[in-house]
Amino acid sequence: MDLFTTLGVFVGTLTVLLLLGTWMPAALGMSGITLLLVNGDARMLESIGSVFWNQGSSFVLLAIPLFIFMGEIVLASGVSSRFYRSITPWARFLPGQLYNSNIIASALFSSVCGSSVATAAAVGTVAIPELRKAGYADRLTFGTLAVGGTLGILIPPSSAMIIYGSMVNENIAKLFIAGILPGLVIVGLCIAYIIIITSFNRRMAPADTRFPTLGELARSVPGALPLVFLMLAVIGSLYTGFVTPTEAAAVGVLGALAVAGVFRSLNWSMLKNALEATVASTCMLMFIILSAQIIAFAFARLGVTRELTDFIVHQSVSPWTMLLIVVVLYLVLGCFLDAISMMVMTLPLIYPVMMELGFDSVWLGVVLVLLMEIGLITPPVGLNLFVLQRVGGKPLREVALGSLPFVGVLLLGVLLLAIWPEIALWLPNKL
């Protein structure tokens, strides 16, 4: 079959399976197997076991369950509520006040959590009652928490970065470090939007001009120290080059256990809950990753990736036109697929093309993660929206409308990365 017929069979099979209600990982794997069977390569099915083994035994991917376990320990220990309340006094110096504390707390919490959904749930559970009691508008509260949660897959440690690096054989430490400055840029853009919108519409935030006292600021510091300690332990050890990402994950687990012990939350019940959540999340992610390897294997076996790259190069498609195509593709897919599935499904096709057009691999990883963030806050499949709907007890429409302006903020972040790639590349190049 030619290139477009092969792609048509893949897209058609995947679409039919999803419409029938097939679980996404199973649909991905079955679509790849269908490609091999339709092209008369049934004998290559014997190689899938080797593909699974090679990917499943990866030392790099071992970091995923460890980072998830670290985040689950932090969540189960109750550190998140103390941390949010310690951030609140410092945010009162900025217009919009507690809206900004949502963004700042989410950014810092994501640096030890590595999960967007967990970040949105942990911060949202504490923040929504606090902001409602203070008279803040629900819609903007949901928006700040939704976009703040997305930072969980951009600011390291990030499961999405680990999966991207393992699939394209890129240095995980570089990807982690590359996400720091873009994450700070997104935080700055979100705070700038909050300041602007609350300055023009003062009804969205209560007119509380009281600044915190020195005593309040001093009393807030101990609540923030545990997560700052964990962040420095993980990111600091990576940046100095003392450990690999997988070893940094192990350091993070030990640090999280120490923090839980300090706050007297370390017990068998807490560990059992954290382990159960870790196993569930790890199994889901690994199923998606291994299923994606079937697609990658089928594309490589049938020469789809090579043919698509040659086709685009011969059509003289400019690099920026191709980047625009990728952005539109991810915006559309983000409305229907979860973030990880979207990346692992498209990466075998778009990565070789983008490399052929001269894009940097580390930069591309950061851009794709930013685009995946948008999918987390766009209905009907935006996971962060559903989490906040459950926590906030409001209709999904209210949560989605509050998040919509922040889609523009994230797209502005992608534009800034396209204009100034150094935002992502400067720090890892200093390693």
Protein backbone atom coordinates (compact mmCIF):
# COMPACT_ATOMS: atom_id res chain seq x y z
CA MET A 1 0.00 0.00 0.00
CA ASP A 2 1.09 3.58 -0.61
CA LEU A 3 1.70 6.13 2.14
CA PHE A 4 -1.75 7.68 2.31
CA THR A 5 -3.60 4.36 2.07
CA THR A 6 -1.54 3.04 4.99
CA LEU A 7 -2.23 6.16 7.05
CA GLY A 8 -5.91 5.92 6.11
CA VAL A 9 -6.11 2.32 7.33
CA PHE A 10 -4.44 3.31 10.61
CA VAL A 11 -6.66 6.36 11.26
CA GLY A 12 -9.80 4.48 10.17
CA THR A 13 -9.08 1.47 12.39
CA LEU A 14 -8.25 3.65 15.38
CA THR A 15 -11.37 5.78 14.91
CA VAL A 16 -13.69 2.78 14.63
CA LEU A 17 -12.18 1.15 17.74
CA LEU A 18 -12.53 4.34 19.78
CA LEU A 19 -16.13 4.83 18.63
CA LEU A 20 -16.84 1.28 19.77
CA GLY A 21 -15.60 2.23 23.22
CA THR A 22 -12.26 0.40 23.11
CA TRP A 23 -9.79 1.54 25.75
CA MET A 24 -7.18 3.84 24.17
CA PRO A 25 -4.07 1.66 24.81
CA ALA A 26 -5.83 -1.38 23.36
CA ALA A 27 -7.03 0.64 20.38
CA LEU A 28 -3.48 1.86 19.68
CA GLY A 29 -2.02 -1.63 19.81
CA MET A 30 -4.77 -3.20 17.71
CA SER A 31 -4.39 -0.46 15.07
CA GLY A 32 -0.69 -1.23 14.75
CA ILE A 33 -1.34 -4.97 14.48
CA THR A 34 -4.00 -4.30 11.81
CA LEU A 35 -1.44 -2.39 9.74
CA LEU A 36 0.94 -5.35 9.81
CA LEU A 37 -1.80 -7.83 8.92
CA VAL A 38 -3.23 -5.75 6.05
CA ASN A 39 0.25 -5.39 4.57
CA GLY A 40 0.86 -9.15 4.73
CA ASP A 41 3.41 -8.93 7.56
CA ALA A 42 1.72 -11.35 9.96
CA ARG A 43 5.04 -13.10 10.58
CA MET A 44 6.34 -9.85 12.11
CA LEU A 45 3.87 -10.23 14.96
CA GLU A 46 6.41 -12.56 16.56
CA SER A 47 8.72 -9.56 17.00
CA ILE A 48 6.24 -7.64 19.14
CA GLY A 49 7.30 -9.60 22.23
CA SER A 50 10.88 -8.41 21.76
CA VAL A 51 9.68 -4.84 21.24
CA PHE A 52 7.74 -5.02 24.51
CA TRP A 53 10.69 -6.47 26.40
CA ASN A 54 13.18 -3.90 25.12
CA GLN A 55 10.93 -0.99 26.03
CA GLY A 56 9.54 -2.42 29.25
CA SER A 57 12.98 -3.18 30.69
CA SER A 58 14.24 0.36 30.02
CA PHE A 59 16.21 1.82 32.95
CA VAL A 60 14.98 5.30 31.97
CA LEU A 61 11.31 4.33 32.30
CA LEU A 62 11.97 3.09 35.82
CA ALA A 63 11.90 6.75 36.84
CA ILE A 64 8.16 6.96 36.07
CA PRO A 65 6.83 4.77 38.94
CA LEU A 66 9.37 6.32 41.32
CA PHE A 67 8.31 9.89 40.53
CA ILE A 68 4.65 8.88 40.73
CA PHE A 69 5.29 7.25 44.11
CA MET A 70 7.01 10.42 45.33
CA GLY A 71 4.01 12.51 44.32
CA GLU A 72 1.54 10.10 45.89
CA ILE A 73 3.44 10.18 49.19
CA VAL A 74 3.29 13.99 49.16
CA LEU A 75 -0.44 13.90 48.43
CA ALA A 76 -1.23 11.25 51.05
CA SER A 77 0.85 12.95 53.75
CA GLY A 78 -1.28 16.13 53.66
CA VAL A 79 1.69 18.38 52.91
CA SER A 80 -0.20 20.04 50.05
CA SER A 81 -2.71 21.86 52.29
CA ARG A 82 0.03 23.24 54.53
CA PHE A 83 2.01 24.29 51.48
CA TYR A 84 -0.89 26.18 49.85
CA ARG A 85 -1.68 28.13 53.00
CA SER A 86 1.99 29.07 53.37
CA ILE A 87 2.03 30.51 49.84
CA THR A 88 -1.14 32.57 50.32
CA PRO A 89 0.35 35.49 52.35
CA TRP A 90 3.08 36.07 49.77
CA ALA A 91 0.58 36.26 46.91
CA ARG A 92 -1.27 39.17 48.56
CA PHE A 93 1.40 41.57 47.31
CA LEU A 94 0.14 41.12 43.72
CA PRO A 95 -3.14 42.35 42.18
CA GLY A 96 -5.51 39.40 42.00
CA GLN A 97 -4.00 38.07 45.23
CA LEU A 98 -5.25 34.52 45.84
CA TYR A 99 -5.66 33.83 42.11
CA ASN A 100 -1.89 34.23 41.90
CA SER A 101 -1.39 31.90 44.85
CA ASN A 102 -3.13 29.19 42.78
CA ILE A 103 -0.60 29.61 39.97
CA ILE A 104 2.46 29.86 42.23
CA ALA A 105 1.41 26.96 44.45
CA SER A 106 0.65 24.78 41.41
CA ALA A 107 4.03 25.59 39.85
CA LEU A 108 5.96 24.70 42.99
CA PHE A 109 3.81 21.68 43.83
CA SER A 110 4.21 20.29 40.29
CA SER A 111 7.97 20.38 40.72
CA VAL A 112 7.68 17.50 43.20
CA CYS A 113 4.53 15.87 41.87
CA GLY A 114 5.07 15.40 38.12
CA SER A 115 1.36 14.93 37.41
CA SER A 116 -1.06 17.55 36.08
CA VAL A 117 -4.16 15.82 37.40
CA ALA A 118 -2.64 15.30 40.86
CA THR A 119 -1.50 18.94 40.97
CA ALA A 120 -4.96 20.24 40.03
CA ALA A 121 -6.63 17.94 42.56
CA ALA A 122 -4.22 18.63 45.43
CA VAL A 123 -4.16 22.43 45.08
CA GLY A 124 -7.83 22.66 44.04
CA THR A 125 -9.07 20.77 47.10
CA VAL A 126 -7.50 23.39 49.37
CA ALA A 127 -7.85 26.49 47.17
CA ILE A 128 -11.50 26.36 46.05
CA PRO A 129 -13.01 26.57 49.57
CA GLU A 130 -10.50 29.28 50.54
CA LEU A 131 -11.29 31.48 47.53
CA ARG A 132 -15.05 30.98 47.82
CA LYS A 133 -14.94 32.01 51.47
CA ALA A 134 -12.98 35.14 50.51
CA GLY A 135 -15.46 36.08 47.74
CA TYR A 136 -13.45 35.28 44.60
CA ALA A 137 -15.20 34.44 41.30
CA ASP A 138 -15.50 30.68 40.73
CA ARG A 139 -14.87 30.89 36.99
CA LEU A 140 -11.44 32.49 37.25
CA THR A 141 -10.61 30.27 40.22
CA PHE A 142 -11.23 27.20 38.06
CA GLY A 143 -9.18 28.69 35.22
CA THR A 144 -6.14 29.39 37.39
CA LEU A 145 -6.26 25.93 38.94
CA ALA A 146 -6.71 24.20 35.57
CA VAL A 147 -3.77 25.95 33.91
CA GLY A 148 -1.71 25.66 37.10
CA GLY A 149 -2.28 21.93 37.04
CA THR A 150 -0.94 21.65 33.51
CA LEU A 151 2.47 22.75 34.79
CA GLY A 152 2.76 19.26 36.27
CA ILE A 153 3.89 17.86 32.91
CA LEU A 154 6.19 20.78 32.05
CA ILE A 155 8.09 21.63 35.22
CA PRO A 156 10.33 18.67 36.17
CA PRO A 157 9.98 15.94 37.16
CA SER A 158 7.66 15.16 34.27
CA SER A 159 6.37 11.75 33.19
CA ALA A 160 5.65 13.17 29.73
CA MET A 161 9.29 14.25 29.35
CA ILE A 162 10.49 10.78 30.38
CA ILE A 163 8.21 9.10 27.83
CA TYR A 164 9.26 11.53 25.10
CA GLY A 165 12.95 11.02 25.86
CA SER A 166 12.64 7.23 25.93
CA MET A 167 10.81 7.18 22.58
CA VAL A 168 13.25 9.45 20.72
CA ASN A 169 16.39 8.50 22.67
CA GLU A 170 16.91 12.02 24.06
CA ASN A 171 18.73 12.90 27.28
CA ILE A 172 16.11 12.99 30.07
CA ALA A 173 18.14 15.35 32.28
CA LYS A 174 18.34 17.88 29.44
CA LEU A 175 14.60 17.63 28.86
CA PHE A 176 13.93 18.17 32.57
CA ILE A 177 16.17 21.22 32.75
CA ALA A 178 14.73 22.56 29.48
CA GLY A 179 11.26 22.66 31.04
CA ILE A 180 12.23 24.97 33.91
CA LEU A 181 12.45 28.36 32.13
CA PRO A 182 9.39 27.75 29.89
CA GLY A 183 7.50 26.76 33.04
CA LEU A 184 8.49 30.04 34.70
CA VAL A 185 7.50 31.93 31.55
CA ILE A 186 4.03 30.33 31.62
CA VAL A 187 3.72 31.23 35.31
CA GLY A 188 4.64 34.84 34.48
CA LEU A 189 2.16 35.00 31.59
CA CYS A 190 -0.64 33.61 33.77
CA ILE A 191 0.07 36.12 36.55
CA ALA A 192 0.19 38.94 33.98
CA TYR A 193 -3.23 37.88 32.65
CA ILE A 194 -4.66 37.74 36.19
CA ILE A 195 -3.33 41.22 36.97
CA ILE A 196 -4.82 42.63 33.76
CA ILE A 197 -8.23 40.98 34.07
CA THR A 198 -8.69 41.82 37.75
CA SER A 199 -7.56 45.43 37.16
CA PHE A 200 -10.23 45.92 34.49
CA ASN A 201 -12.93 43.93 36.31
CA ARG A 202 -12.58 44.53 40.03
CA ARG A 203 -15.67 42.44 40.82
CA MET A 204 -13.68 39.27 40.09
CA ALA A 205 -11.55 39.70 43.23
CA PRO A 206 -12.50 41.21 46.61
CA ALA A 207 -11.10 44.65 47.36
CA ASP A 208 -8.74 43.48 50.09
CA THR A 209 -5.72 45.79 50.15
CA ARG A 210 -4.32 44.53 53.44
CA PHE A 211 -0.75 43.35 53.09
CA PRO A 212 0.58 40.51 55.27
CA THR A 213 2.56 41.39 58.36
CA LEU A 214 6.12 40.24 58.91
CA GLY A 215 4.83 37.83 61.52
CA GLU A 216 2.42 36.22 59.03
CA LEU A 217 5.20 35.86 56.46
CA ALA A 218 7.55 34.33 59.01
CA ARG A 219 4.91 31.83 60.21
CA SER A 220 4.21 30.78 56.59
CA VAL A 221 7.79 29.71 55.87
CA PRO A 222 7.82 26.31 57.68
CA GLY A 223 4.83 25.09 55.65
CA ALA A 224 6.65 25.70 52.36
CA LEU A 225 10.03 24.28 53.36
CA PRO A 226 9.24 20.56 52.81
CA LEU A 227 8.32 20.96 49.14
CA VAL A 228 11.18 23.39 48.56
CA PHE A 229 13.50 20.79 50.10
CA LEU A 230 12.15 18.09 47.77
CA MET A 231 12.40 20.37 44.73
CA LEU A 232 16.03 21.21 45.48
CA ALA A 233 16.84 17.56 46.17
CA VAL A 234 15.47 16.36 42.81
CA ILE A 235 16.29 19.24 40.47
CA GLY A 236 19.52 20.18 42.24
CA SER A 237 20.93 16.67 42.04
CA LEU A 238 20.05 16.52 38.33
CA TYR A 239 21.46 19.95 37.49
CA THR A 240 24.77 19.24 39.21
CA GLY A 241 25.05 15.94 37.33
CA PHE A 242 25.50 13.81 40.45
CA VAL A 243 22.66 11.45 39.56
CA THR A 244 20.69 10.16 36.58
CA PRO A 245 16.96 10.98 36.30
CA THR A 246 16.09 7.51 37.61
CA GLU A 247 18.41 7.96 40.59
CA ALA A 248 16.94 11.45 41.15
CA ALA A 249 13.51 9.82 41.34
CA ALA A 250 14.79 7.48 44.06
CA VAL A 251 16.23 10.49 45.91
CA GLY A 252 12.81 12.13 45.64
CA VAL A 253 11.06 9.08 47.13
CA LEU A 254 13.43 9.07 50.09
CA GLY A 255 12.90 12.82 50.53
CA ALA A 256 9.11 12.43 50.39
CA LEU A 257 9.25 9.69 53.04
CA ALA A 258 11.38 11.96 55.22
CA VAL A 259 8.90 14.83 54.82
CA ALA A 260 5.98 12.53 55.69
CA GLY A 261 7.91 11.39 58.76
CA VAL A 262 8.56 14.97 59.89
CA PHE A 263 4.84 15.76 59.68
CA ARG A 264 3.98 12.45 61.44
CA SER A 265 2.00 11.22 58.44
CA LEU A 266 4.21 8.21 57.74
CA ASN A 267 2.24 5.06 58.52
CA TRP A 268 1.29 1.77 56.88
CA SER A 269 -2.13 3.02 55.79
CA MET A 270 -0.63 6.04 54.01
CA LEU A 271 2.03 3.91 52.31
CA LYS A 272 -0.59 1.37 51.21
CA ASN A 273 -2.73 4.10 49.61
CA ALA A 274 0.28 5.68 47.91
CA LEU A 275 1.49 2.32 46.56
CA GLU A 276 -1.94 1.38 45.23
CA ALA A 277 -2.29 4.72 43.41
CA THR A 278 1.26 4.36 42.05
CA VAL A 279 0.60 0.87 40.68
CA ALA A 280 -2.65 1.99 39.01
CA SER A 281 -1.04 5.03 37.35
CA THR A 282 2.11 3.14 36.32
CA CYS A 283 0.14 0.29 34.73
CA MET A 284 -1.96 2.75 32.74
CA LEU A 285 1.09 4.67 31.46
CA MET A 286 3.09 1.55 30.64
CA PHE A 287 0.16 0.04 28.74
CA ILE A 288 -0.03 3.20 26.62
CA ILE A 289 3.75 3.26 26.05
CA LEU A 290 3.97 -0.39 25.04
CA SER A 291 0.95 -0.09 22.75
CA ALA A 292 2.57 2.90 21.07
CA GLN A 293 5.65 0.79 20.39
CA ILE A 294 3.51 -1.50 18.20
CA ILE A 295 2.57 1.53 16.10
CA ALA A 296 6.16 2.71 15.91
CA PHE A 297 7.28 -0.79 14.92
CA ALA A 298 4.59 -1.04 12.24
CA PHE A 299 5.43 2.40 10.83
CA ALA A 300 9.14 1.56 10.73
CA ARG A 301 8.54 -1.88 9.20
CA LEU A 302 6.28 -0.47 6.47
CA GLY A 303 8.49 2.56 5.80
CA VAL A 304 5.70 5.01 6.64
CA THR A 305 7.95 7.38 8.58
CA ARG A 306 10.57 7.51 5.83
CA GLU A 307 7.99 8.01 3.08
CA LEU A 308 6.19 10.78 5.00
CA THR A 309 9.47 12.58 5.65
CA ASP A 310 10.46 12.35 1.99
CA PHE A 311 7.02 13.55 0.88
CA ILE A 312 7.10 16.66 3.09
CA VAL A 313 10.68 17.51 2.12
CA HIS A 314 9.87 17.14 -1.61
CA GLN A 315 6.82 19.38 -1.18
CA SER A 316 9.16 22.11 0.10
CA VAL A 317 7.10 22.63 3.25
CA SER A 318 8.78 25.32 5.34
CA PRO A 319 9.73 24.51 8.95
CA TRP A 320 7.28 27.07 10.33
CA THR A 321 4.43 25.78 8.19
CA MET A 322 5.13 22.30 9.55
CA LEU A 323 5.19 23.67 13.10
CA LEU A 324 1.80 25.30 12.49
CA ILE A 325 0.46 21.96 11.21
CA VAL A 326 1.69 20.24 14.38
CA VAL A 327 0.09 22.93 16.59
CA VAL A 328 -3.28 22.59 14.82
CA LEU A 329 -3.03 18.78 14.93
CA TYR A 330 -2.45 18.79 18.69
CA LEU A 331 -5.22 21.33 19.29
CA VAL A 332 -7.70 19.08 17.48
CA LEU A 333 -6.47 15.80 19.00
CA GLY A 334 -6.38 17.38 22.46
CA CYS A 335 -10.17 17.71 22.36
CA PHE A 336 -10.58 13.94 22.02
CA LEU A 337 -7.49 12.15 23.39
CA ASP A 338 -5.63 12.25 26.68
CA ALA A 339 -2.23 13.95 26.62
CA ILE A 340 0.06 10.90 26.80
CA SER A 341 -1.90 8.91 24.20
CA MET A 342 -1.84 11.89 21.87
CA MET A 343 1.94 12.19 22.07
CA VAL A 344 2.86 8.50 21.78
CA MET A 345 0.50 8.08 18.82
CA THR A 346 1.85 11.01 16.80
CA LEU A 347 5.53 11.03 17.78
CA PRO A 348 6.67 8.21 15.43
CA LEU A 349 5.37 10.29 12.51
CA ILE A 350 6.12 13.90 13.36
CA TYR A 351 9.50 13.51 15.11
CA PRO A 352 11.53 12.38 12.04
CA VAL A 353 9.86 15.08 9.92
CA MET A 354 10.65 17.83 12.43
CA MET A 355 14.25 16.66 12.77
CA GLU A 356 14.63 16.61 8.96
CA LEU A 357 13.41 20.22 8.88
CA GLY A 358 16.12 21.27 11.34
CA PHE A 359 14.29 21.57 14.66
CA ASP A 360 16.07 20.80 17.93
CA SER A 361 14.99 17.59 19.67
CA VAL A 362 14.99 19.06 23.21
CA TRP A 363 13.11 22.17 22.04
CA LEU A 364 10.53 20.02 20.27
CA GLY A 365 9.94 18.02 23.45
CA VAL A 366 9.14 21.20 25.41
CA VAL A 367 6.82 22.51 22.65
CA LEU A 368 4.93 19.21 22.43
CA VAL A 369 4.47 19.13 26.19
CA LEU A 370 3.09 22.69 26.06
CA LEU A 371 0.64 21.61 23.37
CA MET A 372 -0.30 18.58 25.46
CA GLU A 373 -1.05 20.99 28.33
CA ILE A 374 -3.71 22.64 26.18
CA GLY A 375 -5.39 19.28 25.69
CA LEU A 376 -5.66 18.94 29.47
CA ILE A 377 -7.91 22.04 29.70
CA THR A 378 -9.99 21.73 26.53
CA PRO A 379 -13.32 19.84 26.57
CA PRO A 380 -14.67 17.27 26.13
CA VAL A 381 -11.70 15.15 27.32
CA GLY A 382 -9.67 17.67 29.35
CA LEU A 383 -8.78 15.67 32.46
CA ASN A 384 -8.03 18.73 34.61
CA LEU A 385 -11.52 20.06 33.89
CA PHE A 386 -13.16 16.89 35.19
CA VAL A 387 -11.00 16.90 38.32
CA LEU A 388 -11.94 20.50 39.13
CA GLN A 389 -15.59 19.85 38.33
CA ARG A 390 -15.59 17.06 40.90
CA VAL A 391 -13.69 19.11 43.49
CA GLY A 392 -15.60 22.35 42.88
CA GLY A 393 -19.07 20.91 42.44
CA LYS A 394 -19.91 23.15 39.48
CA PRO A 395 -21.04 22.26 35.91
CA LEU A 396 -18.29 21.36 33.47
CA ARG A 397 -19.31 24.35 31.34
CA GLU A 398 -18.30 26.77 34.12
CA VAL A 399 -14.92 25.11 34.55
CA ALA A 400 -14.30 25.06 30.77
CA LEU A 401 -15.22 28.74 30.32
CA GLY A 402 -12.87 29.71 33.13
CA SER A 403 -10.05 27.75 31.48
CA LEU A 404 -10.62 29.03 27.93
CA PRO A 405 -8.61 32.30 28.26
CA PHE A 406 -5.63 30.31 29.52
CA VAL A 407 -5.59 28.30 26.28
CA GLY A 408 -4.54 31.58 24.68
CA VAL A 409 -1.87 32.04 27.37
CA LEU A 410 -0.38 28.60 26.60
CA LEU A 411 -0.48 29.28 22.85
CA LEU A 412 1.36 32.54 23.50
CA GLY A 413 3.97 30.45 25.32
CA VAL A 414 4.35 28.24 22.22
CA LEU A 415 4.75 31.37 20.07
CA LEU A 416 7.46 32.74 22.36
CA LEU A 417 9.31 29.41 22.19
CA ALA A 418 9.10 29.49 18.40
CA ILE A 419 10.50 33.04 18.27
CA TRP A 420 13.11 32.52 21.00
CA PRO A 421 14.09 28.83 21.22
CA GLU A 422 16.73 29.84 23.79
CA ILE A 423 13.98 29.98 26.41
CA ALA A 424 14.09 26.19 26.39
CA LEU A 425 17.66 25.59 25.20
CA TRP A 426 19.77 28.08 27.16
CA LEU A 427 19.70 26.28 30.51
CA PRO A 428 20.34 22.71 29.25
CA ASN A 429 23.16 24.02 27.04
CA LYS A 430 24.83 25.26 30.22
CA LEU A 431 24.94 21.73 31.66
